[in-house]
Protein backbone atom coordinates (compact mmCIF):
# COMPACT_ATOMS: atom_id res chain seq x y z
CA UNK A 1 25.09 8.49 7.78
CA UNK A 2 24.10 5.14 8.83
CA UNK A 3 22.08 2.55 7.19
CA UNK A 4 20.65 -0.81 9.05
CA UNK A 5 20.71 -3.57 6.01
CA UNK A 6 18.11 -6.51 7.80
CA UNK A 7 18.40 -8.81 4.10
CA UNK A 8 18.33 -12.99 3.99
CA UNK A 9 19.65 -13.70 1.02
CA UNK A 10 23.76 -13.15 1.54
CA UNK A 11 24.05 -12.59 -2.23
CA UNK A 12 21.46 -9.87 -2.13
CA UNK A 13 23.10 -8.81 0.94
CA UNK A 14 26.71 -8.41 0.23
CA UNK A 15 25.09 -6.58 -2.98
CA UNK A 16 23.31 -4.09 -1.36
CA UNK A 17 26.49 -3.55 1.16
CA UNK A 18 28.45 -2.65 -1.87
CA UNK A 19 26.45 -0.68 -3.53
CA UNK A 20 25.43 1.43 -0.66
CA UNK A 21 29.07 1.35 0.67
CA UNK A 22 30.45 2.66 -2.71
CA UNK A 23 27.76 5.86 -2.26
CA UNK A 24 29.51 6.48 0.89
CA UNK A 25 27.20 5.18 3.65
CA UNK A 26 28.12 3.91 6.25
CA UNK A 27 26.58 -0.03 6.45
CA UNK A 28 25.60 -1.97 9.11
CA UNK A 29 24.59 -5.50 8.21
CA UNK A 30 22.37 -8.33 9.62
CA UNK A 31 21.59 -11.77 8.19
CA UNK A 32 17.76 -12.41 10.14
CA UNK A 33 14.72 -10.24 12.12
CA UNK A 34 16.52 -11.18 15.34
CA UNK A 35 20.32 -9.44 15.48
CA UNK A 36 18.66 -6.23 13.04
CA UNK A 37 16.48 -5.76 15.73
CA UNK A 38 19.30 -5.74 18.03
CA UNK A 39 21.71 -3.38 15.54
CA UNK A 40 18.51 -1.07 15.46
CA UNK A 41 18.73 -0.78 19.02
CA UNK A 42 22.59 -0.74 19.95
CA UNK A 43 23.53 1.36 16.34
CA UNK A 44 20.86 3.45 16.02
CA UNK A 45 21.19 4.38 12.17
CA UNK A 46 19.53 7.04 10.22
CA UNK A 47 17.85 4.77 7.42
CA UNK A 48 16.58 1.35 7.70
CA UNK A 49 16.58 -1.38 4.48
CA UNK A 50 14.84 -4.34 5.51
CA UNK A 51 13.31 -7.19 3.92
CA UNK A 52 9.72 -8.59 4.43
CA UNK A 53 10.72 -12.14 4.76
CA UNK A 54 13.45 -12.56 7.72
CA UNK A 55 13.77 -15.82 9.86
CA UNK A 56 13.41 -15.54 13.73
CA UNK A 57 11.75 -11.76 13.28
CA UNK A 58 9.70 -10.92 10.03
CA UNK A 59 9.54 -7.97 8.23
CA UNK A 60 6.43 -6.43 9.16
CA UNK A 61 6.78 -7.55 12.58
CA UNK A 62 9.91 -5.74 12.83
CA UNK A 63 9.08 -2.15 11.35
CA UNK A 64 6.67 -2.04 14.05
CA UNK A 65 8.76 -2.55 16.44
CA UNK A 66 10.79 0.45 14.85
CA UNK A 67 8.10 2.61 14.52
CA UNK A 68 6.74 2.14 17.79
CA UNK A 69 10.40 3.66 19.18
CA UNK A 70 10.91 6.02 16.32
CA UNK A 71 10.59 7.71 13.40
CA UNK A 72 13.49 6.97 11.72
CA UNK A 73 12.79 6.34 7.77
CA UNK A 74 12.14 2.46 7.19
CA UNK A 75 12.11 1.34 3.08
CA UNK A 76 10.97 -2.04 2.60
CA UNK A 77 12.29 -4.69 -0.07
CA UNK A 78 9.02 -7.34 -0.98
CA UNK A 79 9.20 -10.10 -3.48
CA UNK A 80 5.81 -9.50 -4.00
CA UNK A 81 4.02 -6.65 -6.23
CA UNK A 82 0.75 -6.29 -5.19
CA UNK A 83 -0.98 -3.17 -3.85
CA UNK A 84 -1.94 -4.71 -0.75
CA UNK A 85 1.75 -6.11 0.03
CA UNK A 86 3.15 -2.53 -0.43
CA UNK A 87 -0.19 -1.45 2.06
CA UNK A 88 0.96 -3.38 4.57
CA UNK A 89 3.78 -2.29 4.96
CA UNK A 90 2.95 1.89 4.90
CA UNK A 91 -0.21 0.30 7.51
CA UNK A 92 2.81 -0.83 10.02
CA UNK A 93 4.98 2.74 9.64
CA UNK A 94 7.57 2.33 6.76
CA UNK A 95 7.95 5.46 4.71
CA UNK A 96 8.97 3.78 1.06
CA UNK A 97 9.16 0.20 -0.47
CA UNK A 98 11.06 -1.41 -3.07
CA UNK A 99 9.99 -4.70 -4.99
CA UNK A 100 12.87 -7.35 -5.62
CA UNK A 101 14.06 -7.66 -7.93
CA UNK A 102 15.67 -3.97 -8.42
CA UNK A 103 18.73 -2.41 -9.84
CA UNK A 104 21.12 -0.73 -7.54
CA UNK A 105 20.78 3.03 -8.92
CA UNK A 106 16.07 2.62 -8.06
CA UNK A 107 17.43 1.59 -4.97
CA UNK A 108 20.14 4.56 -4.59
CA UNK A 109 17.34 7.03 -5.71
CA UNK A 110 14.82 5.51 -3.28
CA UNK A 111 16.79 6.07 -0.42
CA UNK A 112 18.65 9.34 -1.49
CA UNK A 113 14.66 10.82 -1.62
CA UNK A 114 13.61 9.06 1.66
CA UNK A 115 16.13 10.91 3.53
CA UNK A 116 15.36 14.47 1.40
CA UNK A 117 11.86 13.72 2.12
CA UNK A 118 12.65 12.99 5.98
CA UNK A 119 15.03 16.41 6.23
CA UNK A 120 12.55 18.56 4.69
CA UNK A 121 9.61 16.72 6.43
CA UNK A 122 11.41 17.62 9.47
CA UNK A 123 12.04 21.20 8.82
CA UNK A 124 9.30 23.67 9.67
CA UNK A 125 6.26 23.90 6.91
CA UNK A 126 7.29 26.83 4.55
CA UNK A 127 4.10 28.91 5.64
CA UNK A 128 5.52 29.66 8.86
CA UNK A 129 5.25 28.81 12.44
CA UNK A 130 1.83 29.64 12.92
CA UNK A 131 -0.47 27.05 14.91
CA UNK A 132 -3.79 26.13 11.91
CA UNK A 133 -6.75 25.25 14.07
CA UNK A 134 -9.38 23.37 11.61
CA UNK A 135 -12.93 22.19 13.85
CA UNK A 136 -11.29 19.88 16.77
CA UNK A 137 -7.64 19.35 15.18
CA UNK A 138 -5.08 22.08 16.11
CA UNK A 139 -1.81 21.62 13.87
CA UNK A 140 1.91 22.96 15.05
CA UNK A 141 4.28 23.10 12.57
CA UNK A 142 6.55 24.39 14.71
CA UNK A 143 6.57 20.41 16.38
CA UNK A 144 4.87 18.73 13.76
CA UNK A 145 2.15 17.50 16.17
CA UNK A 146 -1.56 17.31 16.05
CA UNK A 147 -3.80 17.91 18.86
CA UNK A 148 -7.34 16.59 18.52
CA UNK A 149 -9.37 17.55 21.23
CA UNK A 150 -7.45 17.06 24.56
CA UNK A 151 -5.78 13.89 22.73
CA UNK A 152 -2.12 14.18 20.83
CA UNK A 153 -2.39 11.71 17.65
CA UNK A 154 1.25 10.43 16.77
CA UNK A 155 1.65 11.10 13.20
CA UNK A 156 5.26 10.59 10.75
CA UNK A 157 7.12 13.51 9.36
CA UNK A 158 5.42 12.69 6.04
CA UNK A 159 1.87 11.83 7.49
CA UNK A 160 2.47 15.57 8.98
CA UNK A 161 3.01 16.94 5.99
CA UNK A 162 0.27 15.26 3.95
CA UNK A 163 -2.18 16.45 6.76
CA UNK A 164 -0.40 19.66 6.64
CA UNK A 165 -1.21 20.63 3.20
CA UNK A 166 -4.90 19.21 2.87
CA UNK A 167 -5.77 21.22 6.20
CA UNK A 168 -3.80 24.36 4.55
CA UNK A 169 -6.33 23.72 1.17
CA UNK A 170 -9.35 23.01 3.25
CA UNK A 171 -12.67 22.56 1.04
CA UNK A 172 -9.86 22.02 -2.01
CA UNK A 173 -9.43 19.05 -3.95
CA UNK A 174 -5.69 18.65 -3.99
CA UNK A 175 -5.37 16.41 -7.19
CA UNK A 176 -3.33 13.07 -7.13
CA UNK A 177 -0.55 14.90 -8.92
CA UNK A 178 -0.70 18.19 -6.47
CA UNK A 179 -0.59 16.91 -3.80
CA UNK A 180 2.33 14.47 -4.46
CA UNK A 181 4.29 17.04 -5.76
CA UNK A 182 3.88 19.38 -2.28
CA UNK A 183 4.92 16.54 -0.24
CA UNK A 184 7.67 14.76 -1.87
CA UNK A 185 8.93 17.21 -4.69
CA UNK A 186 8.58 17.56 -8.20
CA UNK A 187 11.24 14.76 -8.42
CA UNK A 188 9.35 12.22 -6.54
CA UNK A 189 9.24 8.22 -7.53
CA UNK A 190 5.50 7.26 -6.71
CA UNK A 191 2.98 5.19 -8.48
CA UNK A 192 -0.01 6.07 -6.01
CA UNK A 193 0.15 3.46 -3.63
CA UNK A 194 2.45 5.84 -1.10
CA UNK A 195 -0.15 8.14 -1.22
CA UNK A 196 -3.21 5.99 -0.55
CA UNK A 197 -1.43 4.27 2.26
CA UNK A 198 -0.28 7.62 3.99
CA UNK A 199 -3.89 8.85 4.11
CA UNK A 200 -5.33 5.27 4.91
CA UNK A 201 -3.02 5.38 8.36
CA UNK A 202 -4.45 9.41 8.81
CA UNK A 203 -7.90 7.96 8.64
CA UNK A 204 -7.16 5.42 11.64
CA UNK A 205 -5.33 7.56 13.28
CA UNK A 206 -7.55 10.48 12.95
CA UNK A 207 -11.28 9.13 12.54
CA UNK A 208 -13.51 6.71 15.45
CA UNK A 209 -14.36 4.83 12.30
CA UNK A 210 -11.69 5.11 9.32
CA UNK A 211 -14.30 2.96 6.63
CA UNK A 212 -16.56 6.07 7.22
CA UNK A 213 -13.90 9.24 7.19
CA UNK A 214 -15.53 12.23 8.06
CA UNK A 215 -11.80 14.62 7.54
CA UNK A 216 -9.91 13.58 4.79
CA UNK A 217 -12.47 12.38 1.67
CA UNK A 218 -12.14 10.81 -1.42
CA UNK A 219 -13.36 12.72 -4.65
CA UNK A 220 -12.96 9.50 -7.36
CA UNK A 221 -10.69 9.90 -10.12
CA UNK A 222 -9.31 12.86 -8.52
CA UNK A 223 -7.36 13.66 -5.17
CA UNK A 224 -8.67 14.12 -1.77
CA UNK A 225 -10.21 16.82 0.22
CA UNK A 226 -9.76 18.37 3.50
CA UNK A 227 -13.32 19.27 5.78
CA UNK A 228 -13.46 19.99 9.20
CA UNK A 229 -15.75 17.99 11.56
CA UNK A 230 -17.86 20.99 13.40
CA UNK A 231 -18.38 22.69 10.03
CA UNK A 232 -20.68 21.77 7.47
CA UNK A 233 -19.16 20.41 4.27
CA UNK A 234 -19.71 23.11 0.93
CA UNK A 235 -19.05 22.11 -2.63
CA UNK A 236 -15.63 21.89 -2.98
CA UNK A 237 -12.96 23.36 -5.69
CA UNK A 238 -10.80 21.85 -7.70
CA UNK A 239 -6.94 22.53 -7.47
CA UNK A 240 -5.27 21.40 -10.65
CA UNK A 241 -2.31 23.80 -10.84
CA UNK A 242 -0.20 25.07 -8.89
């Protein structure tokens, strides 16, 4: 398993490389975004650990370029702890983020969690191989693809899994905790921003106007519910337990 680490702080880069190599990962290191992009294109790592504030090509732009070419897991390292900064990374396609400073143990745990979620998302869903039709959306679990009318919507593995769970429980409200457990697993490290970011991404990709969603609706203080656009919505039932 190879990990590309792009970090311009030499001391932190040394610590990251030492920590990951000690855990058995093959580490590829870069001090700036330009070198990081070159190594990404030539070494094809299985995960990218990416600082947001980089010289030459910043981490945001590099994440965007990587995501345009691949669904490889990306974890952003940010110096800001605001939700807006986290959402920005998720909007660009990052799978997770870490706010500096962080401990080596937390870093390894987040990497393992992202790799596990990515592996699970690449496998066929629990319910089987049958396509699911929900109005003008067709979800094909075996290919992890979504067709909207005549258009194929490109989703990341995690985005597909979030949408799949919502469509599977159409008309019900999945609480934040239930949806997090179903998508990330019971030992997921989640503070709410990850789920919110992926919901935003789904709305951007599926909706004509993401500020007025017609598929995924927010139930304030509870969670989210899916309604197909071609069927009048009925009052949802809250799914509050497994």
